[in-house]
Amino acid sequence: MFTEKALTALQRDDLRAVAAMIVPASAEYDVPGADDAAIQADMTATLGRDTPMVREALDHLARLAGKPLADLQGDMAWSRATGRCWIPSMRGLRCGAVCREL
């Protein structure tokens, strides 16, 4: 049975912020974003053996950003419209699932 430590409160906030950037709510299709409480509860409950990798990835992104990802909501340079990255060390890169140079 998997007994890995769950995400910290800060990591859960960061996961919510990243999820909202990847899958935003849509008024057009009347669907919630991936930051919806029910979706987040399911995501965190089903991480299972991937929990250590998710924790590591969230911590790594927060280090690159210079602060918790959830704190970037007000000053993000990345947007779905421009594809510009909000991580200071990666600004000028176009982002998708993986950041890559223009």
Protein backbone atom coordinates (compact mmCIF):
# COMPACT_ATOMS: atom_id res chain seq x y z
CA MET A 1 0.00 0.00 0.00
CA PHE A 2 1.22 3.50 -0.81
CA THR A 3 1.89 5.62 2.29
CA GLU A 4 3.80 8.58 0.84
CA LYS A 5 3.31 11.91 2.60
CA ALA A 6 0.62 14.05 0.99
CA LEU A 7 1.20 17.50 -0.48
CA THR A 8 1.72 20.36 1.92
CA ALA A 9 -0.83 23.18 2.03
CA LEU A 10 1.55 25.36 0.01
CA GLN A 11 2.05 22.63 -2.61
CA ARG A 12 -1.73 22.15 -2.86
CA ASP A 13 -2.10 25.91 -3.46
CA ASP A 14 0.62 25.76 -6.11
CA LEU A 15 -1.02 22.75 -7.78
CA ARG A 16 -4.30 24.66 -7.87
CA ALA A 17 -2.56 27.65 -9.52
CA VAL A 18 -0.86 25.49 -12.15
CA ALA A 19 -4.04 23.55 -12.84
CA ALA A 20 -5.97 26.80 -13.38
CA MET A 21 -3.38 27.94 -15.92
CA ILE A 22 -3.52 24.67 -17.82
CA VAL A 23 -7.29 24.15 -17.73
CA PRO A 24 -9.11 27.42 -17.05
CA ALA A 25 -12.83 27.62 -16.42
CA SER A 26 -14.93 28.20 -19.53
CA ALA A 27 -18.10 30.26 -19.46
CA GLU A 28 -18.59 29.38 -23.12
CA TYR A 29 -18.80 25.65 -22.35
CA ASP A 30 -20.10 26.13 -18.78
CA VAL A 31 -17.35 24.01 -17.23
CA PRO A 32 -15.17 24.66 -14.20
CA GLY A 33 -11.43 25.08 -14.38
CA ALA A 34 -9.06 22.51 -12.97
CA ASP A 35 -8.74 24.71 -9.88
CA ASP A 36 -12.34 23.82 -8.93
CA ALA A 37 -12.50 22.43 -5.38
CA ALA A 38 -14.03 19.09 -6.45
CA ILE A 39 -11.46 18.62 -9.21
CA GLN A 40 -8.61 19.53 -6.88
CA ALA A 41 -9.89 17.09 -4.24
CA ASP A 42 -9.92 14.31 -6.82
CA MET A 43 -6.47 15.22 -8.13
CA THR A 44 -4.85 15.22 -4.71
CA ALA A 45 -6.70 12.07 -3.60
CA THR A 46 -5.51 10.10 -6.64
CA LEU A 47 -1.86 11.17 -6.85
CA GLY A 48 -0.79 7.94 -5.18
CA ARG A 49 2.71 6.85 -6.16
CA ASP A 50 3.16 10.02 -8.24
CA THR A 51 3.02 12.20 -5.12
CA PRO A 52 6.82 12.46 -4.69
CA MET A 53 7.30 13.50 -8.34
CA VAL A 54 4.48 16.04 -8.14
CA ARG A 55 5.92 17.50 -4.91
CA GLU A 56 9.36 17.71 -6.53
CA ALA A 57 7.98 19.36 -9.68
CA LEU A 58 5.93 21.93 -7.75
CA ASP A 59 8.90 22.79 -5.53
CA HIS A 60 11.17 23.08 -8.56
CA LEU A 61 8.76 25.44 -10.35
CA ALA A 62 8.40 27.55 -7.20
CA ARG A 63 12.20 27.81 -6.95
CA LEU A 64 12.40 28.90 -10.59
CA ALA A 65 9.63 31.44 -10.03
CA GLY A 66 11.34 32.75 -6.90
CA LYS A 67 8.18 32.37 -4.83
CA PRO A 68 5.20 30.05 -4.40
CA LEU A 69 3.29 29.62 -7.65
CA ALA A 70 0.03 30.58 -5.96
CA ASP A 71 1.58 33.99 -5.20
CA LEU A 72 2.11 34.64 -8.91
CA GLN A 73 -1.59 35.01 -9.68
CA GLY A 74 -1.44 38.82 -9.56
CA ASP A 75 1.79 39.32 -11.49
CA MET A 76 1.98 36.46 -13.97
CA ALA A 77 3.73 37.22 -17.21
CA TRP A 78 2.51 33.96 -18.75
CA SER A 79 -0.83 33.85 -20.40
CA ARG A 80 -2.73 31.41 -22.55
CA ALA A 81 -3.16 34.17 -25.13
CA THR A 82 0.53 34.96 -25.59
CA GLY A 83 2.09 31.71 -24.41
CA ARG A 84 4.69 33.74 -22.52
CA CYS A 85 6.17 32.14 -19.43
CA TRP A 86 5.71 33.67 -15.97
CA ILE A 87 8.79 32.04 -14.47
CA PRO A 88 11.43 34.83 -14.31
CA SER A 89 14.31 32.58 -15.40
CA MET A 90 12.24 31.42 -18.39
CA ARG A 91 10.76 34.70 -19.59
CA GLY A 92 10.95 35.01 -23.33
CA LEU A 93 10.19 31.33 -23.74
CA ARG A 94 6.99 30.05 -25.24
CA CYS A 95 5.28 27.52 -22.99
CA GLY A 96 3.10 24.55 -23.59
CA ALA A 97 3.41 21.36 -21.62
CA VAL A 98 7.16 22.02 -21.77
CA CYS A 99 8.84 25.41 -22.15
CA ARG A 100 10.87 25.76 -25.32
CA GLU A 101 12.69 28.58 -27.01
CA LEU A 102 10.87 30.54 -29.72
